[in-house]
Amino acid sequence: MGVLIYIANTSLDGYVADERGRFDWTEPTEEVHRYINDVVRPVGTGLYGRRMYEVMAVWEDITGWGDSPGYVHDFAEIWAATDKVVYSSTLAGPTTERTRIERSFTPGAVRSLKEASASDLTVGGANLAGQALQAGLVDEIHLFISPVIIGVGAPALPADVRTTLELLNERKFGNGVVHLHYKVT
């Protein structure tokens, strides 16, 4: 059975993007990027909301990254190798390989997907992750907290969910980013 993992880059005050949808303040350094690569390397399937999928789709074309460092190419290869399920009522079809579109998020279908999976799964996009948290489907949370306060924007976690967490790991990076890894109990 696969574990469903929510991974988010967030500001100290808990936002994944500012009021204009920008998240450039979360751009990882090499150290953070390599760590994230290792976190997502064992993942077999990624669940995405439409907006997160559109942001992540740039990773599909590994050749498009040209002279980028090896750790960037590594992430692109990891992302391209995963199966992707995109929850969208508006996308006509996938723009990347190994991708299917689901018109709505159905907790029972995601539960079945987890049970049938031989590898872990991630959920990407704060709105979709919020639905998965509300449904009790998320098993682990990885927060990469950037040393910035943005004041307003898209929250990383839903306001109407209460759950207890067990801290599994923490790590501080040279650029001030702190990684917190929790198990949902």
C-alpha atoms as a PDB file:
ATOM      1  CA  MET A   1       0.000   0.000   0.000  1.00  0.00           C
ATOM      2  CA  GLY A   2       1.293   3.436  -0.914  1.00  0.00           C
ATOM      3  CA  VAL A   3       1.691   6.351   1.457  1.00  0.00           C
ATOM      4  CA  LEU A   4       0.108   9.661   0.376  1.00  0.00           C
ATOM      5  CA  ILE A   5       2.516  12.531   0.990  1.00  0.00           C
ATOM      6  CA  TYR A   6       1.785  16.254   0.854  1.00  0.00           C
ATOM      7  CA  ILE A   7       4.881  18.322   0.051  1.00  0.00           C
ATOM      8  CA  ALA A   8       4.756  22.118   0.136  1.00  0.00           C
ATOM      9  CA  ASN A   9       7.185  24.989  -0.090  1.00  0.00           C
ATOM     10  CA  THR A  10       5.729  27.608   2.225  1.00  0.00           C
ATOM     11  CA  SER A  11       6.451  30.975   3.777  1.00  0.00           C
ATOM     12  CA  LEU A  12       6.962  31.194   7.530  1.00  0.00           C
ATOM     13  CA  ASP A  13       3.392  32.452   7.836  1.00  0.00           C
ATOM     14  CA  GLY A  14       2.039  29.462   5.940  1.00  0.00           C
ATOM     15  CA  TYR A  15       1.467  30.541   2.333  1.00  0.00           C
ATOM     16  CA  VAL A  16       2.447  28.651  -0.829  1.00  0.00           C
ATOM     17  CA  ALA A  17       1.962  31.724  -3.037  1.00  0.00           C
ATOM     18  CA  ASP A  18       1.387  35.435  -2.526  1.00  0.00           C
ATOM     19  CA  GLU A  19      -1.788  37.335  -3.429  1.00  0.00           C
ATOM     20  CA  ARG A  20      -0.695  37.485  -7.097  1.00  0.00           C
ATOM     21  CA  GLY A  21       0.057  33.769  -7.261  1.00  0.00           C
ATOM     22  CA  ARG A  22       3.837  34.265  -7.195  1.00  0.00           C
ATOM     23  CA  PHE A  23       6.091  31.874  -5.330  1.00  0.00           C
ATOM     24  CA  ASP A  24       9.547  32.957  -6.533  1.00  0.00           C
ATOM     25  CA  TRP A  25      10.641  33.323  -2.895  1.00  0.00           C
ATOM     26  CA  THR A  26      10.548  29.496  -2.629  1.00  0.00           C
ATOM     27  CA  GLU A  27      13.149  28.815  -5.343  1.00  0.00           C
ATOM     28  CA  PRO A  28      15.386  26.158  -3.794  1.00  0.00           C
ATOM     29  CA  THR A  29      19.134  26.325  -3.537  1.00  0.00           C
ATOM     30  CA  GLU A  30      21.154  23.341  -4.755  1.00  0.00           C
ATOM     31  CA  GLU A  31      21.215  21.907  -1.233  1.00  0.00           C
ATOM     32  CA  VAL A  32      17.431  22.114  -0.841  1.00  0.00           C
ATOM     33  CA  HIS A  33      16.782  20.939  -4.407  1.00  0.00           C
ATOM     34  CA  ARG A  34      18.907  17.814  -3.952  1.00  0.00           C
ATOM     35  CA  TYR A  35      17.078  17.047  -0.706  1.00  0.00           C
ATOM     36  CA  ILE A  36      13.680  17.433  -2.373  1.00  0.00           C
ATOM     37  CA  ASN A  37      14.874  15.165  -5.198  1.00  0.00           C
ATOM     38  CA  ASP A  38      15.598  12.465  -2.627  1.00  0.00           C
ATOM     39  CA  VAL A  39      12.201  12.948  -0.957  1.00  0.00           C
ATOM     40  CA  VAL A  40      10.303  12.494  -4.242  1.00  0.00           C
ATOM     41  CA  ARG A  41      12.563   9.873  -5.846  1.00  0.00           C
ATOM     42  CA  PRO A  42      10.573   6.847  -4.504  1.00  0.00           C
ATOM     43  CA  VAL A  43       7.202   8.324  -5.553  1.00  0.00           C
ATOM     44  CA  GLY A  44       5.351   6.445  -8.282  1.00  0.00           C
ATOM     45  CA  THR A  45       2.280   8.660  -8.707  1.00  0.00           C
ATOM     46  CA  GLY A  46       1.613  12.358  -8.272  1.00  0.00           C
ATOM     47  CA  LEU A  47      -1.876  13.737  -7.718  1.00  0.00           C
ATOM     48  CA  TYR A  48      -2.243  17.334  -8.897  1.00  0.00           C
ATOM     49  CA  GLY A  49      -4.763  20.103  -8.992  1.00  0.00           C
ATOM     50  CA  ARG A  50      -4.938  21.888 -12.343  1.00  0.00           C
ATOM     51  CA  ARG A  51      -2.850  24.925 -11.398  1.00  0.00           C
ATOM     52  CA  MET A  52      -0.085  22.876  -9.772  1.00  0.00           C
ATOM     53  CA  TYR A  53      -0.022  20.551 -12.784  1.00  0.00           C
ATOM     54  CA  GLU A  54       0.347  23.500 -15.151  1.00  0.00           C
ATOM     55  CA  VAL A  55       3.256  24.804 -13.064  1.00  0.00           C
ATOM     56  CA  MET A  56       4.939  21.397 -12.880  1.00  0.00           C
ATOM     57  CA  ALA A  57       4.433  20.459 -16.550  1.00  0.00           C
ATOM     58  CA  VAL A  58       7.590  22.391 -17.487  1.00  0.00           C
ATOM     59  CA  TRP A  59       9.559  19.483 -15.992  1.00  0.00           C
ATOM     60  CA  GLU A  60       8.312  17.128 -18.724  1.00  0.00           C
ATOM     61  CA  ASP A  61      10.875  18.172 -21.340  1.00  0.00           C
ATOM     62  CA  ILE A  62      14.223  17.268 -19.833  1.00  0.00           C
ATOM     63  CA  THR A  63      16.057  18.534 -22.912  1.00  0.00           C
ATOM     64  CA  GLY A  64      14.507  21.959 -22.370  1.00  0.00           C
ATOM     65  CA  TRP A  65      16.653  22.431 -19.291  1.00  0.00           C
ATOM     66  CA  GLY A  66      19.830  22.701 -21.419  1.00  0.00           C
ATOM     67  CA  ASP A  67      22.849  23.711 -19.378  1.00  0.00           C
ATOM     68  CA  SER A  68      21.062  23.461 -16.045  1.00  0.00           C
ATOM     69  CA  PRO A  69      22.920  21.743 -13.208  1.00  0.00           C
ATOM     70  CA  GLY A  70      22.699  17.978 -12.772  1.00  0.00           C
ATOM     71  CA  TYR A  71      20.333  18.208  -9.802  1.00  0.00           C
ATOM     72  CA  VAL A  72      17.828  20.088 -11.996  1.00  0.00           C
ATOM     73  CA  HIS A  73      18.042  17.382 -14.669  1.00  0.00           C
ATOM     74  CA  ASP A  74      17.687  14.788 -11.907  1.00  0.00           C
ATOM     75  CA  PHE A  75      14.411  16.336 -10.736  1.00  0.00           C
ATOM     76  CA  ALA A  76      13.112  16.544 -14.315  1.00  0.00           C
ATOM     77  CA  GLU A  77      13.854  12.844 -14.824  1.00  0.00           C
ATOM     78  CA  ILE A  78      12.135  11.941 -11.541  1.00  0.00           C
ATOM     79  CA  TRP A  79       9.054  14.008 -12.433  1.00  0.00           C
ATOM     80  CA  ALA A  80       8.803  12.660 -15.980  1.00  0.00           C
ATOM     81  CA  ALA A  81       9.022   9.069 -14.703  1.00  0.00           C
ATOM     82  CA  THR A  82       6.046   9.377 -12.337  1.00  0.00           C
ATOM     83  CA  ASP A  83       2.453   8.726 -13.244  1.00  0.00           C
ATOM     84  CA  LYS A  84       0.292  11.813 -12.884  1.00  0.00           C
ATOM     85  CA  VAL A  85      -3.389  12.161 -12.043  1.00  0.00           C
ATOM     86  CA  VAL A  86      -4.734  15.669 -12.595  1.00  0.00           C
ATOM     87  CA  TYR A  87      -8.040  16.732 -11.047  1.00  0.00           C
ATOM     88  CA  SER A  88      -9.636  19.311 -13.312  1.00  0.00           C
ATOM     89  CA  SER A  89     -13.064  20.014 -14.715  1.00  0.00           C
ATOM     90  CA  THR A  90     -11.611  22.417 -17.304  1.00  0.00           C
ATOM     91  CA  LEU A  91      -8.541  20.783 -18.874  1.00  0.00           C
ATOM     92  CA  ALA A  92      -9.342  19.240 -22.253  1.00  0.00           C
ATOM     93  CA  GLY A  93      -6.603  16.657 -21.863  1.00  0.00           C
ATOM     94  CA  PRO A  94      -3.091  16.043 -20.552  1.00  0.00           C
ATOM     95  CA  THR A  95      -0.106  17.937 -21.925  1.00  0.00           C
ATOM     96  CA  THR A  96       2.437  15.505 -20.496  1.00  0.00           C
ATOM     97  CA  GLU A  97       3.172  11.810 -20.773  1.00  0.00           C
ATOM     98  CA  ARG A  98       2.021   9.333 -18.123  1.00  0.00           C
ATOM     99  CA  THR A  99      -0.877  11.630 -17.234  1.00  0.00           C
ATOM    100  CA  ARG A 100      -4.603  11.162 -16.929  1.00  0.00           C
ATOM    101  CA  ILE A 101      -7.319  13.683 -16.140  1.00  0.00           C
ATOM    102  CA  GLU A 102     -10.003  13.058 -13.538  1.00  0.00           C
ATOM    103  CA  ARG A 103     -12.926  15.487 -13.545  1.00  0.00           C
ATOM    104  CA  SER A 104     -13.439  15.426  -9.775  1.00  0.00           C
ATOM    105  CA  PHE A 105     -11.643  14.417  -6.615  1.00  0.00           C
ATOM    106  CA  THR A 106     -13.266  11.306  -5.180  1.00  0.00           C
ATOM    107  CA  PRO A 107     -11.859  10.163  -1.814  1.00  0.00           C
ATOM    108  CA  GLY A 108     -12.873   6.532  -2.369  1.00  0.00           C
ATOM    109  CA  ALA A 109     -11.033   6.387  -5.703  1.00  0.00           C
ATOM    110  CA  VAL A 110      -7.905   7.897  -4.146  1.00  0.00           C
ATOM    111  CA  ARG A 111      -8.115   5.436  -1.252  1.00  0.00           C
ATOM    112  CA  SER A 112      -8.285   2.580  -3.790  1.00  0.00           C
ATOM    113  CA  LEU A 113      -5.337   4.041  -5.697  1.00  0.00           C
ATOM    114  CA  LYS A 114      -3.284   4.133  -2.469  1.00  0.00           C
ATOM    115  CA  GLU A 115      -4.243   0.565  -1.587  1.00  0.00           C
ATOM    116  CA  ALA A 116      -3.285  -0.726  -5.042  1.00  0.00           C
ATOM    117  CA  SER A 117      -0.010   1.197  -5.240  1.00  0.00           C
ATOM    118  CA  ALA A 118       3.344  -0.497  -4.720  1.00  0.00           C
ATOM    119  CA  SER A 119       5.010   2.905  -4.276  1.00  0.00           C
ATOM    120  CA  ASP A 120       4.272   6.164  -2.509  1.00  0.00           C
ATOM    121  CA  LEU A 121       2.109   8.942  -3.923  1.00  0.00           C
ATOM    122  CA  THR A 122       2.257  12.704  -3.560  1.00  0.00           C
ATOM    123  CA  VAL A 123      -0.518  15.254  -3.603  1.00  0.00           C
ATOM    124  CA  GLY A 124       0.393  18.625  -5.087  1.00  0.00           C
ATOM    125  CA  GLY A 125      -1.498  21.856  -4.860  1.00  0.00           C
ATOM    126  CA  ALA A 126      -2.767  23.293  -1.610  1.00  0.00           C
ATOM    127  CA  ASN A 127      -6.449  23.080  -2.557  1.00  0.00           C
ATOM    128  CA  LEU A 128      -6.243  19.430  -3.585  1.00  0.00           C
ATOM    129  CA  ALA A 129      -4.080  18.605  -0.567  1.00  0.00           C
ATOM    130  CA  GLY A 130      -6.696  20.296   1.617  1.00  0.00           C
ATOM    131  CA  GLN A 131      -9.392  18.021   0.184  1.00  0.00           C
ATOM    132  CA  ALA A 132      -7.163  14.980   0.767  1.00  0.00           C
ATOM    133  CA  LEU A 133      -6.476  16.099   4.357  1.00  0.00           C
ATOM    134  CA  GLN A 134     -10.208  16.633   4.977  1.00  0.00           C
ATOM    135  CA  ALA A 135     -10.882  13.117   3.679  1.00  0.00           C
ATOM    136  CA  GLY A 136      -8.220  11.615   5.969  1.00  0.00           C
ATOM    137  CA  LEU A 137      -6.116  10.386   3.049  1.00  0.00           C
ATOM    138  CA  VAL A 138      -2.800  12.163   3.718  1.00  0.00           C
ATOM    139  CA  ASP A 139      -0.281  10.028   5.615  1.00  0.00           C
ATOM    140  CA  GLU A 140       2.723  12.375   5.725  1.00  0.00           C
ATOM    141  CA  ILE A 141       3.414  16.081   5.326  1.00  0.00           C
ATOM    142  CA  HIS A 142       6.719  17.640   4.251  1.00  0.00           C
ATOM    143  CA  LEU A 143       6.875  21.407   4.725  1.00  0.00           C
ATOM    144  CA  PHE A 144       9.840  23.359   3.378  1.00  0.00           C
ATOM    145  CA  ILE A 145       9.513  26.650   5.239  1.00  0.00           C
ATOM    146  CA  SER A 146      11.228  29.635   3.620  1.00  0.00           C
ATOM    147  CA  PRO A 147      12.514  32.472   5.813  1.00  0.00           C
ATOM    148  CA  VAL A 148      10.014  35.020   4.512  1.00  0.00           C
ATOM    149  CA  ILE A 149       6.707  36.428   5.705  1.00  0.00           C
ATOM    150  CA  ILE A 150       4.374  37.404   2.851  1.00  0.00           C
ATOM    151  CA  GLY A 151       1.276  38.369   4.842  1.00  0.00           C
ATOM    152  CA  VAL A 152      -1.428  37.180   2.461  1.00  0.00           C
ATOM    153  CA  GLY A 153      -1.871  34.610  -0.270  1.00  0.00           C
ATOM    154  CA  ALA A 154      -2.777  30.975  -0.839  1.00  0.00           C
ATOM    155  CA  PRO A 155      -2.533  29.017   2.421  1.00  0.00           C
ATOM    156  CA  ALA A 156      -0.494  25.813   2.494  1.00  0.00           C
ATOM    157  CA  LEU A 157      -2.934  24.101   4.848  1.00  0.00           C
ATOM    158  CA  PRO A 158      -6.727  24.240   5.033  1.00  0.00           C
ATOM    159  CA  ALA A 159      -8.286  26.271   7.834  1.00  0.00           C
ATOM    160  CA  ASP A 160     -11.032  23.774   8.600  1.00  0.00           C
ATOM    161  CA  VAL A 161      -9.032  20.611   9.294  1.00  0.00           C
ATOM    162  CA  ARG A 162      -7.809  19.505  12.688  1.00  0.00           C
ATOM    163  CA  THR A 163      -5.434  16.576  12.974  1.00  0.00           C
ATOM    164  CA  THR A 164      -2.537  15.591  15.161  1.00  0.00           C
ATOM    165  CA  LEU A 165       0.912  15.107  13.737  1.00  0.00           C
ATOM    166  CA  GLU A 166       4.036  13.300  14.829  1.00  0.00           C
ATOM    167  CA  LEU A 167       7.331  14.982  13.926  1.00  0.00           C
ATOM    168  CA  LEU A 168       9.488  12.431  12.113  1.00  0.00           C
ATOM    169  CA  ASN A 169      12.368  14.629  10.998  1.00  0.00           C
ATOM    170  CA  GLU A 170      13.568  18.195  10.795  1.00  0.00           C
ATOM    171  CA  ARG A 171      16.433  19.802   8.934  1.00  0.00           C
ATOM    172  CA  LYS A 172      17.817  23.311   8.614  1.00  0.00           C
ATOM    173  CA  PHE A 173      19.462  24.326   5.338  1.00  0.00           C
ATOM    174  CA  GLY A 174      22.187  26.910   4.750  1.00  0.00           C
ATOM    175  CA  ASN A 175      19.766  29.396   3.174  1.00  0.00           C
ATOM    176  CA  GLY A 176      17.509  29.400   6.246  1.00  0.00           C
ATOM    177  CA  VAL A 177      14.887  27.005   4.854  1.00  0.00           C
ATOM    178  CA  VAL A 178      13.640  24.538   7.456  1.00  0.00           C
ATOM    179  CA  HIS A 179      12.206  21.162   6.498  1.00  0.00           C
ATOM    180  CA  LEU A 180       9.610  19.607   8.800  1.00  0.00           C
ATOM    181  CA  HIS A 181       8.482  16.040   8.105  1.00  0.00           C
ATOM    182  CA  TYR A 182       5.344  14.884   9.891  1.00  0.00           C
ATOM    183  CA  LYS A 183       3.320  11.697  10.074  1.00  0.00           C
ATOM    184  CA  VAL A 184      -0.429  12.216  10.272  1.00  0.00           C
ATOM    185  CA  THR A 185      -1.610  10.264  13.324  1.00  0.00           C
END
